[in-house]
Amino acid sequence: MEVRNTYTVGMCLFLLTVLTAPCAYSSAEDTSAENASLLCKILDGNDALTQASEFSAENRSVYISVDASPEEAEKLCPVISAIVVDNEMEFAQGWTVQISSPGNDYKVAAVCPLSL
């Protein structure tokens, strides 16, 4: 009888682990790439960009280009942060928006952190 109870308890624990593991994994899932894609769509809807935005999950970056000086480009960081917060986007540590300017040979004019 004792062996049967041990087996039953063991099976219950196994099933509980199998059933709850996907939930634990999905809550810790990194959605940075999906959020970067959404951020690109939102930013592309703005006429201020000089070309379509792009992102790289490998480089953890969203790339945009605006016709602005480095000082003006830096002023976009709080605007981008507000978009991220308003749309409840979450980014893993290290994600940034890199802003370049065609007037500056597309050199990076400003870097805005996305992970808050």
N, C-alpha and C. Protein backbone atom coordinates (compact mmCIF):
# COMPACT_ATOMS: atom_id res chain seq x y z
N MET A 1 0.82 -1.19 0.00
CA MET A 1 0.00 0.00 0.00
C MET A 1 0.87 1.25 0.00
N GLU A 2 1.94 1.23 0.79
CA GLU A 2 2.82 2.38 0.89
C GLU A 2 3.49 2.69 -0.45
N VAL A 3 3.86 1.68 -1.19
CA VAL A 3 4.49 1.85 -2.49
C VAL A 3 3.52 2.52 -3.46
N ARG A 4 2.27 2.10 -3.43
CA ARG A 4 1.25 2.67 -4.31
C ARG A 4 1.04 4.15 -3.99
N ASN A 5 1.01 4.53 -2.72
CA ASN A 5 0.84 5.94 -2.33
C ASN A 5 2.04 6.78 -2.77
N THR A 6 3.24 6.22 -2.63
CA THR A 6 4.45 6.93 -3.06
C THR A 6 4.41 7.14 -4.57
N TYR A 7 4.00 6.13 -5.31
CA TYR A 7 3.88 6.23 -6.76
C TYR A 7 2.85 7.30 -7.13
N THR A 8 1.71 7.31 -6.48
CA THR A 8 0.65 8.27 -6.76
C THR A 8 1.12 9.70 -6.48
N VAL A 9 1.77 9.89 -5.37
CA VAL A 9 2.29 11.22 -5.02
C VAL A 9 3.33 11.65 -6.05
N GLY A 10 4.21 10.73 -6.42
CA GLY A 10 5.23 11.04 -7.41
C GLY A 10 4.62 11.44 -8.75
N MET A 11 3.60 10.72 -9.18
CA MET A 11 2.92 11.05 -10.45
C MET A 11 2.22 12.40 -10.37
N CYS A 12 1.61 12.67 -9.25
CA CYS A 12 0.94 13.97 -9.07
C CYS A 12 1.94 15.11 -9.15
N LEU A 13 3.09 14.96 -8.50
CA LEU A 13 4.13 15.99 -8.55
C LEU A 13 4.66 16.16 -9.98
N PHE A 14 4.85 15.04 -10.67
CA PHE A 14 5.32 15.09 -12.06
C PHE A 14 4.31 15.85 -12.93
N LEU A 15 3.03 15.51 -12.83
CA LEU A 15 2.00 16.18 -13.62
C LEU A 15 1.90 17.66 -13.27
N LEU A 16 2.01 17.98 -12.01
CA LEU A 16 1.97 19.38 -11.59
C LEU A 16 3.13 20.15 -12.21
N THR A 17 4.32 19.54 -12.23
CA THR A 17 5.49 20.18 -12.83
C THR A 17 5.29 20.37 -14.33
N VAL A 18 4.80 19.36 -15.00
CA VAL A 18 4.59 19.43 -16.45
C VAL A 18 3.55 20.50 -16.79
N LEU A 19 2.51 20.60 -15.99
CA LEU A 19 1.44 21.55 -16.28
C LEU A 19 1.81 22.99 -15.94
N THR A 20 2.64 23.19 -14.94
CA THR A 20 2.98 24.57 -14.53
C THR A 20 4.24 25.10 -15.19
N ALA A 21 5.08 24.25 -15.73
CA ALA A 21 6.33 24.71 -16.34
C ALA A 21 6.09 25.67 -17.51
N PRO A 22 5.15 25.39 -18.42
CA PRO A 22 4.92 26.36 -19.51
C PRO A 22 4.46 27.72 -19.00
N CYS A 23 3.68 27.75 -17.95
CA CYS A 23 3.23 29.03 -17.39
C CYS A 23 4.40 29.81 -16.83
N ALA A 24 5.27 29.14 -16.13
CA ALA A 24 6.44 29.81 -15.56
C ALA A 24 7.35 30.31 -16.66
N TYR A 25 7.50 29.52 -17.72
CA TYR A 25 8.36 29.93 -18.84
C TYR A 25 7.76 31.12 -19.57
N SER A 26 6.46 31.10 -19.82
CA SER A 26 5.85 32.18 -20.59
C SER A 26 5.88 33.50 -19.84
N SER A 27 5.82 33.46 -18.51
CA SER A 27 5.87 34.72 -17.76
C SER A 27 7.26 35.32 -17.78
N ALA A 28 8.27 34.49 -18.01
CA ALA A 28 9.64 34.99 -18.05
C ALA A 28 10.12 35.18 -19.48
N GLU A 29 9.23 35.00 -20.44
CA GLU A 29 9.58 35.09 -21.85
C GLU A 29 10.01 36.51 -22.21
N ASP A 30 11.06 36.61 -22.99
CA ASP A 30 11.57 37.90 -23.43
C ASP A 30 10.78 38.34 -24.66
N THR A 31 10.05 39.42 -24.53
CA THR A 31 9.25 39.94 -25.64
C THR A 31 9.88 41.18 -26.26
N SER A 32 11.16 41.37 -26.03
CA SER A 32 11.84 42.56 -26.52
C SER A 32 11.76 42.70 -28.04
N ALA A 33 11.97 41.61 -28.77
CA ALA A 33 11.94 41.68 -30.24
C ALA A 33 10.55 42.05 -30.74
N GLU A 34 9.51 41.45 -30.14
CA GLU A 34 8.15 41.79 -30.54
C GLU A 34 7.84 43.26 -30.24
N ASN A 35 8.30 43.72 -29.08
CA ASN A 35 8.08 45.11 -28.71
C ASN A 35 8.88 46.06 -29.60
N ALA A 36 10.07 45.64 -30.02
CA ALA A 36 10.86 46.46 -30.94
C ALA A 36 10.15 46.59 -32.27
N SER A 37 9.55 45.51 -32.74
CA SER A 37 8.78 45.55 -33.98
C SER A 37 7.60 46.51 -33.86
N LEU A 38 6.90 46.44 -32.73
CA LEU A 38 5.77 47.35 -32.48
C LEU A 38 6.25 48.80 -32.40
N LEU A 39 7.35 49.02 -31.72
CA LEU A 39 7.90 50.38 -31.62
C LEU A 39 8.24 50.91 -33.01
N CYS A 40 8.81 50.07 -33.86
CA CYS A 40 9.13 50.50 -35.23
C CYS A 40 7.86 50.91 -35.97
N LYS A 41 6.80 50.14 -35.84
CA LYS A 41 5.54 50.48 -36.52
C LYS A 41 5.00 51.82 -36.03
N ILE A 42 5.08 52.04 -34.73
CA ILE A 42 4.60 53.31 -34.17
C ILE A 42 5.45 54.47 -34.68
N LEU A 43 6.77 54.30 -34.63
CA LEU A 43 7.66 55.37 -35.07
C LEU A 43 7.56 55.62 -36.57
N ASP A 44 7.32 54.57 -37.35
CA ASP A 44 7.17 54.73 -38.80
C ASP A 44 5.92 55.53 -39.15
N GLY A 45 4.94 55.54 -38.26
CA GLY A 45 3.73 56.32 -38.48
C GLY A 45 3.95 57.81 -38.28
N ASN A 46 5.14 58.17 -37.82
CA ASN A 46 5.49 59.57 -37.58
C ASN A 46 6.23 60.10 -38.80
N ASP A 47 5.83 61.23 -39.31
CA ASP A 47 6.45 61.81 -40.51
C ASP A 47 7.84 62.37 -40.26
N ALA A 48 8.32 62.33 -39.03
CA ALA A 48 9.62 62.93 -38.71
C ALA A 48 10.79 62.06 -39.17
N LEU A 49 10.56 60.76 -39.39
CA LEU A 49 11.65 59.87 -39.80
C LEU A 49 12.00 60.09 -41.26
N THR A 50 13.29 60.01 -41.57
CA THR A 50 13.72 60.19 -42.95
C THR A 50 13.72 58.87 -43.73
N GLN A 51 13.62 57.74 -43.03
CA GLN A 51 13.50 56.43 -43.66
C GLN A 51 12.84 55.49 -42.66
N ALA A 52 12.41 54.33 -43.15
CA ALA A 52 11.74 53.37 -42.27
C ALA A 52 12.68 52.91 -41.16
N SER A 53 12.13 52.72 -39.98
CA SER A 53 12.94 52.24 -38.86
C SER A 53 13.19 50.75 -39.01
N GLU A 54 14.21 50.27 -38.31
CA GLU A 54 14.58 48.86 -38.31
C GLU A 54 14.98 48.48 -36.89
N PHE A 55 15.04 47.16 -36.65
CA PHE A 55 15.56 46.72 -35.37
C PHE A 55 16.38 45.45 -35.56
N SER A 56 17.27 45.22 -34.61
CA SER A 56 18.10 44.02 -34.60
C SER A 56 18.02 43.41 -33.20
N ALA A 57 17.46 42.20 -33.13
CA ALA A 57 17.40 41.51 -31.84
C ALA A 57 18.81 41.12 -31.40
N GLU A 58 19.66 40.79 -32.36
CA GLU A 58 21.04 40.40 -32.04
C GLU A 58 21.80 41.56 -31.39
N ASN A 59 21.61 42.77 -31.93
CA ASN A 59 22.30 43.95 -31.41
C ASN A 59 21.50 44.68 -30.34
N ARG A 60 20.29 44.20 -30.07
CA ARG A 60 19.40 44.82 -29.09
C ARG A 60 19.21 46.30 -29.36
N SER A 61 18.90 46.61 -30.62
CA SER A 61 18.77 48.02 -31.00
C SER A 61 17.63 48.24 -31.99
N VAL A 62 17.02 49.39 -31.85
CA VAL A 62 16.08 49.91 -32.82
C VAL A 62 16.79 51.07 -33.49
N TYR A 63 16.76 51.12 -34.82
CA TYR A 63 17.48 52.14 -35.57
C TYR A 63 16.49 53.07 -36.26
N ILE A 64 16.64 54.37 -35.99
CA ILE A 64 15.81 55.36 -36.68
C ILE A 64 16.72 56.47 -37.23
N SER A 65 16.20 57.14 -38.22
CA SER A 65 16.94 58.25 -38.82
C SER A 65 16.02 59.46 -38.88
N VAL A 66 16.51 60.58 -38.35
CA VAL A 66 15.77 61.83 -38.37
C VAL A 66 16.72 62.94 -38.83
N ASP A 67 16.16 63.91 -39.46
CA ASP A 67 16.95 65.06 -39.89
C ASP A 67 17.05 66.02 -38.73
N ALA A 68 18.07 65.80 -37.88
CA ALA A 68 18.21 66.59 -36.66
C ALA A 68 19.66 66.63 -36.22
N SER A 69 19.98 67.64 -35.45
CA SER A 69 21.31 67.73 -34.85
C SER A 69 21.38 66.74 -33.69
N PRO A 70 22.58 66.43 -33.21
CA PRO A 70 22.68 65.55 -32.04
C PRO A 70 21.90 66.06 -30.83
N GLU A 71 21.88 67.36 -30.63
CA GLU A 71 21.13 67.93 -29.51
C GLU A 71 19.63 67.70 -29.69
N GLU A 72 19.15 67.90 -30.91
CA GLU A 72 17.72 67.68 -31.18
C GLU A 72 17.38 66.19 -31.09
N ALA A 73 18.30 65.35 -31.55
CA ALA A 73 18.08 63.91 -31.50
C ALA A 73 17.95 63.43 -30.06
N GLU A 74 18.77 63.96 -29.17
CA GLU A 74 18.70 63.58 -27.75
C GLU A 74 17.37 63.95 -27.12
N LYS A 75 16.75 65.01 -27.62
CA LYS A 75 15.44 65.43 -27.09
C LYS A 75 14.34 64.44 -27.45
N LEU A 76 14.61 63.52 -28.38
CA LEU A 76 13.63 62.51 -28.74
C LEU A 76 13.58 61.35 -27.74
N CYS A 77 14.62 61.20 -26.94
CA CYS A 77 14.67 60.09 -25.97
C CYS A 77 13.48 60.08 -25.01
N PRO A 78 13.12 61.20 -24.39
CA PRO A 78 11.94 61.18 -23.51
C PRO A 78 10.65 60.88 -24.26
N VAL A 79 10.57 61.31 -25.51
CA VAL A 79 9.38 61.05 -26.32
C VAL A 79 9.27 59.54 -26.58
N ILE A 80 10.39 58.92 -26.94
CA ILE A 80 10.40 57.49 -27.19
C ILE A 80 10.10 56.72 -25.90
N SER A 81 10.66 57.15 -24.79
CA SER A 81 10.37 56.51 -23.50
C SER A 81 8.89 56.59 -23.17
N ALA A 82 8.26 57.71 -23.47
CA ALA A 82 6.82 57.86 -23.21
C ALA A 82 6.01 56.90 -24.08
N ILE A 83 6.43 56.72 -25.33
CA ILE A 83 5.75 55.76 -26.21
C ILE A 83 5.85 54.36 -25.64
N VAL A 84 7.03 54.00 -25.16
CA VAL A 84 7.26 52.67 -24.58
C VAL A 84 6.37 52.47 -23.36
N VAL A 85 6.32 53.46 -22.49
CA VAL A 85 5.51 53.36 -21.27
C VAL A 85 4.02 53.33 -21.61
N ASP A 86 3.58 54.23 -22.48
CA ASP A 86 2.17 54.30 -22.85
C ASP A 86 1.65 53.02 -23.48
N ASN A 87 2.52 52.32 -24.20
CA ASN A 87 2.14 51.08 -24.87
C ASN A 87 2.52 49.83 -24.08
N GLU A 88 2.95 50.04 -22.83
CA GLU A 88 3.28 48.97 -21.90
C GLU A 88 4.27 47.96 -22.50
N MET A 89 5.28 48.49 -23.19
CA MET A 89 6.32 47.65 -23.77
C MET A 89 7.40 47.42 -22.73
N GLU A 90 7.95 46.22 -22.75
CA GLU A 90 9.06 45.90 -21.86
C GLU A 90 10.23 45.42 -22.70
N PHE A 91 11.42 45.87 -22.34
CA PHE A 91 12.63 45.48 -23.04
C PHE A 91 13.64 44.93 -22.05
N ALA A 92 14.35 43.91 -22.48
CA ALA A 92 15.43 43.36 -21.66
C ALA A 92 16.55 44.39 -21.53
N GLN A 93 17.36 44.20 -20.53
CA GLN A 93 18.49 45.10 -20.29
C GLN A 93 19.36 45.21 -21.54
N GLY A 94 19.75 46.42 -21.86
CA GLY A 94 20.67 46.65 -22.97
C GLY A 94 20.03 47.10 -24.27
N TRP A 95 18.71 47.05 -24.38
CA TRP A 95 18.05 47.51 -25.60
C TRP A 95 18.10 49.03 -25.68
N THR A 96 18.36 49.54 -26.90
CA THR A 96 18.43 50.98 -27.12
C THR A 96 17.77 51.35 -28.44
N VAL A 97 17.49 52.65 -28.57
CA VAL A 97 17.15 53.24 -29.86
C VAL A 97 18.36 54.06 -30.27
N GLN A 98 18.87 53.78 -31.46
CA GLN A 98 20.00 54.53 -31.97
C GLN A 98 19.47 55.47 -33.06
N ILE A 99 19.67 56.76 -32.84
CA ILE A 99 19.16 57.79 -33.74
C ILE A 99 20.31 58.31 -34.58
N SER A 100 20.15 58.21 -35.89
CA SER A 100 21.16 58.76 -36.81
C SER A 100 20.52 59.87 -37.62
N SER A 101 21.38 60.61 -38.33
CA SER A 101 20.90 61.73 -39.12
C SER A 101 21.56 61.70 -40.50
N PRO A 102 20.77 61.88 -41.56
CA PRO A 102 21.36 61.91 -42.90
C PRO A 102 22.30 63.10 -43.08
N GLY A 103 22.04 64.17 -42.38
CA GLY A 103 22.90 65.35 -42.47
C GLY A 103 24.26 65.15 -41.83
N ASN A 104 24.39 64.07 -41.07
CA ASN A 104 25.64 63.77 -40.36
C ASN A 104 26.21 62.44 -40.89
N ASP A 105 26.00 62.17 -42.18
CA ASP A 105 26.45 60.92 -42.81
C ASP A 105 25.95 59.68 -42.09
N TYR A 106 24.76 59.78 -41.55
CA TYR A 106 24.09 58.68 -40.85
C TYR A 106 24.89 58.15 -39.65
N LYS A 107 25.71 59.00 -39.06
CA LYS A 107 26.39 58.62 -37.82
C LYS A 107 25.37 58.69 -36.68
N VAL A 108 25.59 57.88 -35.66
CA VAL A 108 24.68 57.87 -34.52
C VAL A 108 24.77 59.21 -33.80
N ALA A 109 23.63 59.89 -33.72
CA ALA A 109 23.58 61.21 -33.08
C ALA A 109 23.16 61.11 -31.62
N ALA A 110 22.38 60.06 -31.30
CA ALA A 110 21.90 59.90 -29.92
C ALA A 110 21.54 58.43 -29.69
N VAL A 111 21.67 58.00 -28.46
CA VAL A 111 21.30 56.64 -28.06
C VAL A 111 20.34 56.76 -26.87
N CYS A 112 19.18 56.15 -27.02
CA CYS A 112 18.16 56.21 -25.98
C CYS A 112 17.97 54.81 -25.39
N PRO A 113 18.11 54.63 -24.09
CA PRO A 113 17.89 53.30 -23.49
C PRO A 113 16.40 52.95 -23.51
N LEU A 114 16.10 51.68 -23.75
CA LEU A 114 14.71 51.22 -23.75
C LEU A 114 14.35 50.44 -22.51
N SER A 115 15.32 49.84 -21.87
CA SER A 115 15.02 49.09 -20.64
C SER A 115 14.99 50.08 -19.49
N LEU A 116 13.83 50.12 -18.83
CA LEU A 116 13.64 51.09 -17.76
C LEU A 116 13.90 50.50 -16.40
